[in-house]
Amino acid sequence: MTQEKDTWRVDGPQPLGAFVGEGVNDQLMHISVQLAAELWVTRRRLAALESQLVAGGVVTSPDALEPDDGDPAAARAERDAFIRRVFGGLTA
């Protein structure tokens, strides 16, 4: 069986930093670390909350439910605040 090399690559400027100006790589690293930290905290808190609620019979597993955005304006405001926290390093 023959495999093509690097079929996952996207053509574009190399090195990757050529897409952005000088010094932006540090900002991109900041964004990556901030995203990882946000995601880890969210995953830990969500897992703890789900476990307690399901074990207590308060709710069924969220995997069995369809998502409900509730108040769309509040959801957008929360999303925008998240984006400012994560991508704020690009404006520094």
PDB file of N, CA and C in Angstrom:
ATOM      1  N   MET A   1       0.845  -1.174   0.000  1.00  0.00           N
ATOM      2  CA  MET A   1       0.000   0.000   0.000  1.00  0.00           C
ATOM      3  C   MET A   1       0.894   1.243   0.000  1.00  0.00           C
ATOM      4  N   THR A   2       0.609   2.163  -0.891  1.00  0.00           N
ATOM      5  CA  THR A   2       1.422   3.368  -1.011  1.00  0.00           C
ATOM      6  C   THR A   2       0.756   4.523  -0.276  1.00  0.00           C
ATOM      7  N   GLN A   3       1.549   5.268   0.478  1.00  0.00           N
ATOM      8  CA  GLN A   3       1.020   6.437   1.173  1.00  0.00           C
ATOM      9  C   GLN A   3       1.720   7.683   0.661  1.00  0.00           C
ATOM     10  N   GLU A   4       0.953   8.744   0.478  1.00  0.00           N
ATOM     11  CA  GLU A   4       1.558  10.016   0.107  1.00  0.00           C
ATOM     12  C   GLU A   4       2.102  10.672   1.363  1.00  0.00           C
ATOM     13  N   LYS A   5       3.247  11.317   1.234  1.00  0.00           N
ATOM     14  CA  LYS A   5       3.838  12.000   2.380  1.00  0.00           C
ATOM     15  C   LYS A   5       3.184  13.361   2.587  1.00  0.00           C
ATOM     16  N   ASP A   6       3.020  13.720   3.842  1.00  0.00           N
ATOM     17  CA  ASP A   6       2.557  15.049   4.238  1.00  0.00           C
ATOM     18  C   ASP A   6       1.236  15.454   3.592  1.00  0.00           C
ATOM     19  N   THR A   7       0.303  14.544   3.453  1.00  0.00           N
ATOM     20  CA  THR A   7      -0.983  14.894   2.861  1.00  0.00           C
ATOM     21  C   THR A   7      -1.805  15.789   3.777  1.00  0.00           C
ATOM     22  N   TRP A   8      -1.437  15.867   5.037  1.00  0.00           N
ATOM     23  CA  TRP A   8      -2.166  16.710   5.982  1.00  0.00           C
ATOM     24  C   TRP A   8      -1.737  18.166   5.916  1.00  0.00           C
ATOM     25  N   ARG A   9      -0.654  18.461   5.246  1.00  0.00           N
ATOM     26  CA  ARG A   9      -0.124  19.826   5.220  1.00  0.00           C
ATOM     27  C   ARG A   9      -0.964  20.737   4.327  1.00  0.00           C
ATOM     28  N   VAL A  10      -1.006  21.992   4.712  1.00  0.00           N
ATOM     29  CA  VAL A  10      -1.676  23.017   3.923  1.00  0.00           C
ATOM     30  C   VAL A  10      -0.597  23.879   3.283  1.00  0.00           C
ATOM     31  N   ASP A  11      -0.740  24.129   1.990  1.00  0.00           N
ATOM     32  CA  ASP A  11       0.238  24.981   1.319  1.00  0.00           C
ATOM     33  C   ASP A  11       0.114  26.411   1.829  1.00  0.00           C
ATOM     34  N   GLY A  12       1.235  27.043   2.032  1.00  0.00           N
ATOM     35  CA  GLY A  12       1.238  28.427   2.498  1.00  0.00           C
ATOM     36  C   GLY A  12       2.647  28.836   2.838  1.00  0.00           C
ATOM     37  N   PRO A  13       2.800  30.071   3.267  1.00  0.00           N
ATOM     38  CA  PRO A  13       4.131  30.571   3.599  1.00  0.00           C
ATOM     39  C   PRO A  13       4.789  29.729   4.681  1.00  0.00           C
ATOM     40  N   GLN A  14       6.064  29.488   4.531  1.00  0.00           N
ATOM     41  CA  GLN A  14       6.832  28.767   5.539  1.00  0.00           C
ATOM     42  C   GLN A  14       7.996  29.649   5.944  1.00  0.00           C
ATOM     43  N   PRO A  15       8.392  29.726   7.162  1.00  0.00           N
ATOM     44  CA  PRO A  15       7.764  29.069   8.291  1.00  0.00           C
ATOM     45  C   PRO A  15       6.400  29.669   8.597  1.00  0.00           C
ATOM     46  N   LEU A  16       5.677  28.991   9.479  1.00  0.00           N
ATOM     47  CA  LEU A  16       4.311  29.403   9.791  1.00  0.00           C
ATOM     48  C   LEU A  16       4.237  30.857  10.222  1.00  0.00           C
ATOM     49  N   GLY A  17       5.259  31.356  10.903  1.00  0.00           N
ATOM     50  CA  GLY A  17       5.277  32.738  11.357  1.00  0.00           C
ATOM     51  C   GLY A  17       5.174  33.754  10.233  1.00  0.00           C
ATOM     52  N   ALA A  18       5.363  33.325   8.997  1.00  0.00           N
ATOM     53  CA  ALA A  18       5.278  34.242   7.870  1.00  0.00           C
ATOM     54  C   ALA A  18       3.866  34.780   7.678  1.00  0.00           C
ATOM     55  N   PHE A  19       2.872  34.160   8.309  1.00  0.00           N
ATOM     56  CA  PHE A  19       1.498  34.638   8.212  1.00  0.00           C
ATOM     57  C   PHE A  19       1.290  35.896   9.050  1.00  0.00           C
ATOM     58  N   VAL A  20       2.138  36.100  10.036  1.00  0.00           N
ATOM     59  CA  VAL A  20       1.958  37.196  10.985  1.00  0.00           C
ATOM     60  C   VAL A  20       3.246  37.997  11.101  1.00  0.00           C
ATOM     61  N   GLY A  21       3.137  39.188  11.676  1.00  0.00           N
ATOM     62  CA  GLY A  21       4.300  40.056  11.818  1.00  0.00           C
ATOM     63  C   GLY A  21       5.286  39.556  12.861  1.00  0.00           C
ATOM     64  N   GLU A  22       6.443  40.202  12.895  1.00  0.00           N
ATOM     65  CA  GLU A  22       7.482  39.864  13.866  1.00  0.00           C
ATOM     66  C   GLU A  22       6.930  39.976  15.284  1.00  0.00           C
ATOM     67  N   GLY A  23       7.312  39.061  16.138  1.00  0.00           N
ATOM     68  CA  GLY A  23       6.913  39.115  17.539  1.00  0.00           C
ATOM     69  C   GLY A  23       5.535  38.551  17.832  1.00  0.00           C
ATOM     70  N   VAL A  24       4.771  38.250  16.804  1.00  0.00           N
ATOM     71  CA  VAL A  24       3.418  37.757  17.030  1.00  0.00           C
ATOM     72  C   VAL A  24       3.437  36.309  17.508  1.00  0.00           C
ATOM     73  N   ASN A  25       4.506  35.574  17.210  1.00  0.00           N
ATOM     74  CA  ASN A  25       4.569  34.188  17.662  1.00  0.00           C
ATOM     75  C   ASN A  25       4.457  34.089  19.177  1.00  0.00           C
ATOM     76  N   ASP A  26       5.061  35.030  19.910  1.00  0.00           N
ATOM     77  CA  ASP A  26       4.923  35.042  21.361  1.00  0.00           C
ATOM     78  C   ASP A  26       3.472  35.252  21.763  1.00  0.00           C
ATOM     79  N   GLN A  27       2.787  36.131  21.052  1.00  0.00           N
ATOM     80  CA  GLN A  27       1.377  36.379  21.341  1.00  0.00           C
ATOM     81  C   GLN A  27       0.538  35.139  21.027  1.00  0.00           C
ATOM     82  N   LEU A  28       0.870  34.455  19.947  1.00  0.00           N
ATOM     83  CA  LEU A  28       0.147  33.229  19.608  1.00  0.00           C
ATOM     84  C   LEU A  28       0.376  32.155  20.660  1.00  0.00           C
ATOM     85  N   MET A  29       1.584  32.087  21.207  1.00  0.00           N
ATOM     86  CA  MET A  29       1.856  31.145  22.284  1.00  0.00           C
ATOM     87  C   MET A  29       1.032  31.512  23.511  1.00  0.00           C
ATOM     88  N   HIS A  30       0.943  32.799  23.816  1.00  0.00           N
ATOM     89  CA  HIS A  30       0.123  33.254  24.939  1.00  0.00           C
ATOM     90  C   HIS A  30      -1.329  32.819  24.740  1.00  0.00           C
ATOM     91  N   ILE A  31      -1.844  32.996  23.533  1.00  0.00           N
ATOM     92  CA  ILE A  31      -3.214  32.589  23.235  1.00  0.00           C
ATOM     93  C   ILE A  31      -3.375  31.087  23.439  1.00  0.00           C
ATOM     94  N   SER A  32      -2.436  30.303  22.947  1.00  0.00           N
ATOM     95  CA  SER A  32      -2.519  28.844  23.073  1.00  0.00           C
ATOM     96  C   SER A  32      -2.527  28.408  24.526  1.00  0.00           C
ATOM     97  N   VAL A  33      -1.650  28.997  25.324  1.00  0.00           N
ATOM     98  CA  VAL A  33      -1.582  28.638  26.743  1.00  0.00           C
ATOM     99  C   VAL A  33      -2.857  29.077  27.457  1.00  0.00           C
ATOM    100  N   GLN A  34      -3.347  30.277  27.144  1.00  0.00           N
ATOM    101  CA  GLN A  34      -4.575  30.764  27.766  1.00  0.00           C
ATOM    102  C   GLN A  34      -5.759  29.871  27.403  1.00  0.00           C
ATOM    103  N   LEU A  35      -5.844  29.456  26.143  1.00  0.00           N
ATOM    104  CA  LEU A  35      -6.917  28.547  25.724  1.00  0.00           C
ATOM    105  C   LEU A  35      -6.834  27.216  26.453  1.00  0.00           C
ATOM    106  N   ALA A  36      -5.640  26.691  26.568  1.00  0.00           N
ATOM    107  CA  ALA A  36      -5.466  25.421  27.269  1.00  0.00           C
ATOM    108  C   ALA A  36      -5.879  25.552  28.728  1.00  0.00           C
ATOM    109  N   ALA A  37      -5.500  26.650  29.377  1.00  0.00           N
ATOM    110  CA  ALA A  37      -5.870  26.861  30.778  1.00  0.00           C
ATOM    111  C   ALA A  37      -7.380  26.998  30.929  1.00  0.00           C
ATOM    112  N   GLU A  38      -8.000  27.788  30.061  1.00  0.00           N
ATOM    113  CA  GLU A  38      -9.458  27.959  30.105  1.00  0.00           C
ATOM    114  C   GLU A  38     -10.165  26.623  29.898  1.00  0.00           C
ATOM    115  N   LEU A  39      -9.702  25.866  28.931  1.00  0.00           N
ATOM    116  CA  LEU A  39     -10.332  24.589  28.634  1.00  0.00           C
ATOM    117  C   LEU A  39     -10.181  23.613  29.792  1.00  0.00           C
ATOM    118  N   TRP A  40      -8.996  23.550  30.382  1.00  0.00           N
ATOM    119  CA  TRP A  40      -8.770  22.612  31.482  1.00  0.00           C
ATOM    120  C   TRP A  40      -9.663  22.934  32.675  1.00  0.00           C
ATOM    121  N   VAL A  41      -9.731  24.195  33.060  1.00  0.00           N
ATOM    122  CA  VAL A  41     -10.578  24.590  34.186  1.00  0.00           C
ATOM    123  C   VAL A  41     -12.036  24.265  33.884  1.00  0.00           C
ATOM    124  N   THR A  42     -12.476  24.584  32.687  1.00  0.00           N
ATOM    125  CA  THR A  42     -13.861  24.319  32.302  1.00  0.00           C
ATOM    126  C   THR A  42     -14.171  22.827  32.335  1.00  0.00           C
ATOM    127  N   ARG A  43     -13.271  22.021  31.809  1.00  0.00           N
ATOM    128  CA  ARG A  43     -13.495  20.574  31.799  1.00  0.00           C
ATOM    129  C   ARG A  43     -13.576  20.010  33.207  1.00  0.00           C
ATOM    130  N   ARG A  44     -12.667  20.439  34.092  1.00  0.00           N
ATOM    131  CA  ARG A  44     -12.663  19.950  35.471  1.00  0.00           C
ATOM    132  C   ARG A  44     -13.936  20.348  36.202  1.00  0.00           C
ATOM    133  N   ARG A  45     -14.323  21.613  36.071  1.00  0.00           N
ATOM    134  CA  ARG A  45     -15.520  22.098  36.761  1.00  0.00           C
ATOM    135  C   ARG A  45     -16.776  21.422  36.210  1.00  0.00           C
ATOM    136  N   LEU A  46     -16.862  21.281  34.922  1.00  0.00           N
ATOM    137  CA  LEU A  46     -18.026  20.654  34.303  1.00  0.00           C
ATOM    138  C   LEU A  46     -18.138  19.191  34.706  1.00  0.00           C
ATOM    139  N   ALA A  47     -17.031  18.484  34.705  1.00  0.00           N
ATOM    140  CA  ALA A  47     -17.053  17.070  35.092  1.00  0.00           C
ATOM    141  C   ALA A  47     -17.510  16.914  36.539  1.00  0.00           C
ATOM    142  N   ALA A  48     -17.013  17.771  37.430  1.00  0.00           N
ATOM    143  CA  ALA A  48     -17.414  17.698  38.838  1.00  0.00           C
ATOM    144  C   ALA A  48     -18.900  17.999  38.994  1.00  0.00           C
ATOM    145  N   LEU A  49     -19.366  19.023  38.329  1.00  0.00           N
ATOM    146  CA  LEU A  49     -20.775  19.403  38.409  1.00  0.00           C
ATOM    147  C   LEU A  49     -21.681  18.317  37.842  1.00  0.00           C
ATOM    148  N   GLU A  50     -21.349  17.814  36.667  1.00  0.00           N
ATOM    149  CA  GLU A  50     -22.147  16.751  36.059  1.00  0.00           C
ATOM    150  C   GLU A  50     -22.210  15.536  36.963  1.00  0.00           C
ATOM    151  N   SER A  51     -21.079  15.148  37.495  1.00  0.00           N
ATOM    152  CA  SER A  51     -21.014  13.970  38.353  1.00  0.00           C
ATOM    153  C   SER A  51     -21.925  14.121  39.564  1.00  0.00           C
ATOM    154  N   GLN A  52     -21.872  15.268  40.220  1.00  0.00           N
ATOM    155  CA  GLN A  52     -22.699  15.501  41.402  1.00  0.00           C
ATOM    156  C   GLN A  52     -24.183  15.532  41.058  1.00  0.00           C
ATOM    157  N   LEU A  53     -24.527  16.199  39.993  1.00  0.00           N
ATOM    158  CA  LEU A  53     -25.936  16.321  39.622  1.00  0.00           C
ATOM    159  C   LEU A  53     -26.533  14.998  39.164  1.00  0.00           C
ATOM    160  N   VAL A  54     -25.797  14.255  38.362  1.00  0.00           N
ATOM    161  CA  VAL A  54     -26.294  12.960  37.893  1.00  0.00           C
ATOM    162  C   VAL A  54     -26.382  11.982  39.056  1.00  0.00           C
ATOM    163  N   ALA A  55     -25.350  11.952  39.909  1.00  0.00           N
ATOM    164  CA  ALA A  55     -25.348  11.040  41.061  1.00  0.00           C
ATOM    165  C   ALA A  55     -26.483  11.356  42.018  1.00  0.00           C
ATOM    166  N   GLY A  56     -26.824  12.626  42.162  1.00  0.00           N
ATOM    167  CA  GLY A  56     -27.902  13.020  43.066  1.00  0.00           C
ATOM    168  C   GLY A  56     -29.279  12.893  42.443  1.00  0.00           C
ATOM    169  N   GLY A  57     -29.344  12.475  41.195  1.00  0.00           N
ATOM    170  CA  GLY A  57     -30.632  12.320  40.529  1.00  0.00           C
ATOM    171  C   GLY A  57     -31.288  13.644  40.179  1.00  0.00           C
ATOM    172  N   VAL A  58     -30.543  14.724  40.239  1.00  0.00           N
ATOM    173  CA  VAL A  58     -31.091  16.042  39.943  1.00  0.00           C
ATOM    174  C   VAL A  58     -31.310  16.210  38.444  1.00  0.00           C
ATOM    175  N   VAL A  59     -30.379  15.695  37.653  1.00  0.00           N
ATOM    176  CA  VAL A  59     -30.471  15.791  36.197  1.00  0.00           C
ATOM    177  C   VAL A  59     -30.064  14.464  35.578  1.00  0.00           C
ATOM    178  N   THR A  60     -30.422  14.324  34.316  1.00  0.00           N
ATOM    179  CA  THR A  60     -29.895  13.198  33.557  1.00  0.00           C
ATOM    180  C   THR A  60     -28.578  13.640  32.935  1.00  0.00           C
ATOM    181  N   SER A  61     -27.853  12.721  32.390  1.00  0.00           N
ATOM    182  CA  SER A  61     -26.566  13.047  31.779  1.00  0.00           C
ATOM    183  C   SER A  61     -26.758  14.068  30.662  1.00  0.00           C
ATOM    184  N   PRO A  62     -25.949  15.122  30.633  1.00  0.00           N
ATOM    185  CA  PRO A  62     -26.061  16.119  29.566  1.00  0.00           C
ATOM    186  C   PRO A  62     -25.873  15.528  28.169  1.00  0.00           C
ATOM    187  N   ASP A  63     -25.199  14.393  28.078  1.00  0.00           N
ATOM    188  CA  ASP A  63     -25.008  13.762  26.771  1.00  0.00           C
ATOM    189  C   ASP A  63     -26.329  13.322  26.157  1.00  0.00           C
ATOM    190  N   ALA A  64     -27.368  13.183  26.980  1.00  0.00           N
ATOM    191  CA  ALA A  64     -28.660  12.730  26.488  1.00  0.00           C
ATOM    192  C   ALA A  64     -29.560  13.897  26.082  1.00  0.00           C
ATOM    193  N   LEU A  65     -29.095  15.131  26.230  1.00  0.00           N
ATOM    194  CA  LEU A  65     -29.926  16.308  25.977  1.00  0.00           C
ATOM    195  C   LEU A  65     -29.434  17.110  24.780  1.00  0.00           C
ATOM    196  N   GLU A  66     -30.354  17.878  24.190  1.00  0.00           N
ATOM    197  CA  GLU A  66     -30.000  18.822  23.133  1.00  0.00           C
ATOM    198  C   GLU A  66     -29.566  20.131  23.789  1.00  0.00           C
ATOM    199  N   PRO A  67     -28.576  20.823  23.235  1.00  0.00           N
ATOM    200  CA  PRO A  67     -28.137  22.092  23.824  1.00  0.00           C
ATOM    201  C   PRO A  67     -29.229  23.156  23.790  1.00  0.00           C
ATOM    202  N   ASP A  68     -29.256  24.003  24.828  1.00  0.00           N
ATOM    203  CA  ASP A  68     -30.213  25.107  24.911  1.00  0.00           C
ATOM    204  C   ASP A  68     -29.430  26.374  25.216  1.00  0.00           C
ATOM    205  N   ASP A  69     -29.422  27.323  24.282  1.00  0.00           N
ATOM    206  CA  ASP A  69     -28.647  28.544  24.465  1.00  0.00           C
ATOM    207  C   ASP A  69     -29.293  29.528  25.432  1.00  0.00           C
ATOM    208  N   GLY A  70     -30.551  29.317  25.796  1.00  0.00           N
ATOM    209  CA  GLY A  70     -31.206  30.232  26.725  1.00  0.00           C
ATOM    210  C   GLY A  70     -31.320  31.618  26.132  1.00  0.00           C
ATOM    211  N   ASP A  71     -30.722  32.603  26.792  1.00  0.00           N
ATOM    212  CA  ASP A  71     -30.749  33.995  26.355  1.00  0.00           C
ATOM    213  C   ASP A  71     -29.632  34.236  25.340  1.00  0.00           C
ATOM    214  N   PRO A  72     -29.970  34.392  24.053  1.00  0.00           N
ATOM    215  CA  PRO A  72     -28.935  34.561  23.030  1.00  0.00           C
ATOM    216  C   PRO A  72     -28.041  35.784  23.268  1.00  0.00           C
ATOM    217  N   ALA A  73     -28.598  36.889  23.766  1.00  0.00           N
ATOM    218  CA  ALA A  73     -27.788  38.091  24.013  1.00  0.00           C
ATOM    219  C   ALA A  73     -26.760  37.833  25.112  1.00  0.00           C
ATOM    220  N   ALA A  74     -27.160  37.151  26.169  1.00  0.00           N
ATOM    221  CA  ALA A  74     -26.231  36.826  27.259  1.00  0.00           C
ATOM    222  C   ALA A  74     -25.159  35.858  26.766  1.00  0.00           C
ATOM    223  N   ALA A  75     -25.558  34.905  25.928  1.00  0.00           N
ATOM    224  CA  ALA A  75     -24.594  33.945  25.381  1.00  0.00           C
ATOM    225  C   ALA A  75     -23.561  34.666  24.515  1.00  0.00           C
ATOM    226  N   ARG A  76     -24.007  35.631  23.707  1.00  0.00           N
ATOM    227  CA  ARG A  76     -23.077  36.404  22.875  1.00  0.00           C
ATOM    228  C   ARG A  76     -22.124  37.231  23.734  1.00  0.00           C
ATOM    229  N   ALA A  77     -22.639  37.850  24.800  1.00  0.00           N
ATOM    230  CA  ALA A  77     -21.790  38.659  25.685  1.00  0.00           C
ATOM    231  C   ALA A  77     -20.735  37.787  26.360  1.00  0.00           C
ATOM    232  N   GLU A  78     -21.129  36.603  26.798  1.00  0.00           N
ATOM    233  CA  GLU A  78     -20.178  35.682  27.425  1.00  0.00           C
ATOM    234  C   GLU A  78     -19.127  35.227  26.416  1.00  0.00           C
ATOM    235  N   ARG A  79     -19.578  34.928  25.198  1.00  0.00           N
ATOM    236  CA  ARG A  79     -18.645  34.528  24.140  1.00  0.00           C
ATOM    237  C   ARG A  79     -17.650  35.645  23.837  1.00  0.00           C
ATOM    238  N   ASP A  80     -18.150  36.879  23.732  1.00  0.00           N
ATOM    239  CA  ASP A  80     -17.278  38.017  23.428  1.00  0.00           C
ATOM    240  C   ASP A  80     -16.247  38.244  24.527  1.00  0.00           C
ATOM    241  N   ALA A  81     -16.650  38.086  25.789  1.00  0.00           N
ATOM    242  CA  ALA A  81     -15.711  38.232  26.906  1.00  0.00           C
ATOM    243  C   ALA A  81     -14.642  37.145  26.839  1.00  0.00           C
ATOM    244  N   PHE A  82     -15.046  35.944  26.494  1.00  0.00           N
ATOM    245  CA  PHE A  82     -14.100  34.832  26.343  1.00  0.00           C
ATOM    246  C   PHE A  82     -13.076  35.155  25.249  1.00  0.00           C
ATOM    247  N   ILE A  83     -13.554  35.650  24.125  1.00  0.00           N
ATOM    248  CA  ILE A  83     -12.665  35.989  23.010  1.00  0.00           C
ATOM    249  C   ILE A  83     -11.687  37.087  23.418  1.00  0.00           C
ATOM    250  N   ARG A  84     -12.169  38.095  24.158  1.00  0.00           N
ATOM    251  CA  ARG A  84     -11.265  39.161  24.616  1.00  0.00           C
ATOM    252  C   ARG A  84     -10.190  38.615  25.546  1.00  0.00           C
ATOM    253  N   ARG A  85     -10.567  37.701  26.458  1.00  0.00           N
ATOM    254  CA  ARG A  85      -9.575  37.113  27.362  1.00  0.00           C
ATOM    255  C   ARG A  85      -8.541  36.305  26.589  1.00  0.00           C
ATOM    256  N   VAL A  86      -9.001  35.497  25.659  1.00  0.00           N
ATOM    257  CA  VAL A  86      -8.105  34.591  24.947  1.00  0.00           C
ATOM    258  C   VAL A  86      -7.240  35.321  23.927  1.00  0.00           C
ATOM    259  N   PHE A  87      -7.844  36.193  23.141  1.00  0.00           N
ATOM    260  CA  PHE A  87      -7.114  36.846  22.060  1.00  0.00           C
ATOM    261  C   PHE A  87      -6.614  38.241  22.420  1.00  0.00           C
ATOM    262  N   GLY A  88      -6.769  38.641  23.674  1.00  0.00           N
ATOM    263  CA  GLY A  88      -6.331  39.962  24.116  1.00  0.00           C
ATOM    264  C   GLY A  88      -4.852  40.209  23.887  1.00  0.00           C
ATOM    265  N   GLY A  89      -4.047  39.164  23.900  1.00  0.00           N
ATOM    266  CA  GLY A  89      -2.614  39.307  23.682  1.00  0.00           C
ATOM    267  C   GLY A  89      -2.251  39.847  22.313  1.00  0.00           C
ATOM    268  N   LEU A  90      -3.130  39.724  21.351  1.00  0.00           N
ATOM    269  CA  LEU A  90      -2.834  40.219  20.007  1.00  0.00           C
ATOM    270  C   LEU A  90      -2.887  41.736  19.927  1.00  0.00           C
ATOM    271  N   THR A  91      -3.554  42.379  20.870  1.00  0.00           N
ATOM    272  CA  THR A  91      -3.670  43.832  20.837  1.00  0.00           C
ATOM    273  C   THR A  91      -2.599  44.510  21.674  1.00  0.00           C
ATOM    274  N   ALA A  92      -1.795  43.712  22.377  1.00  0.00           N
ATOM    275  CA  ALA A  92      -0.759  44.293  23.251  1.00  0.00           C
ATOM    276  C   ALA A  92       0.377  44.881  22.453  1.00  0.00           C
TER     277      ALA A  92
END
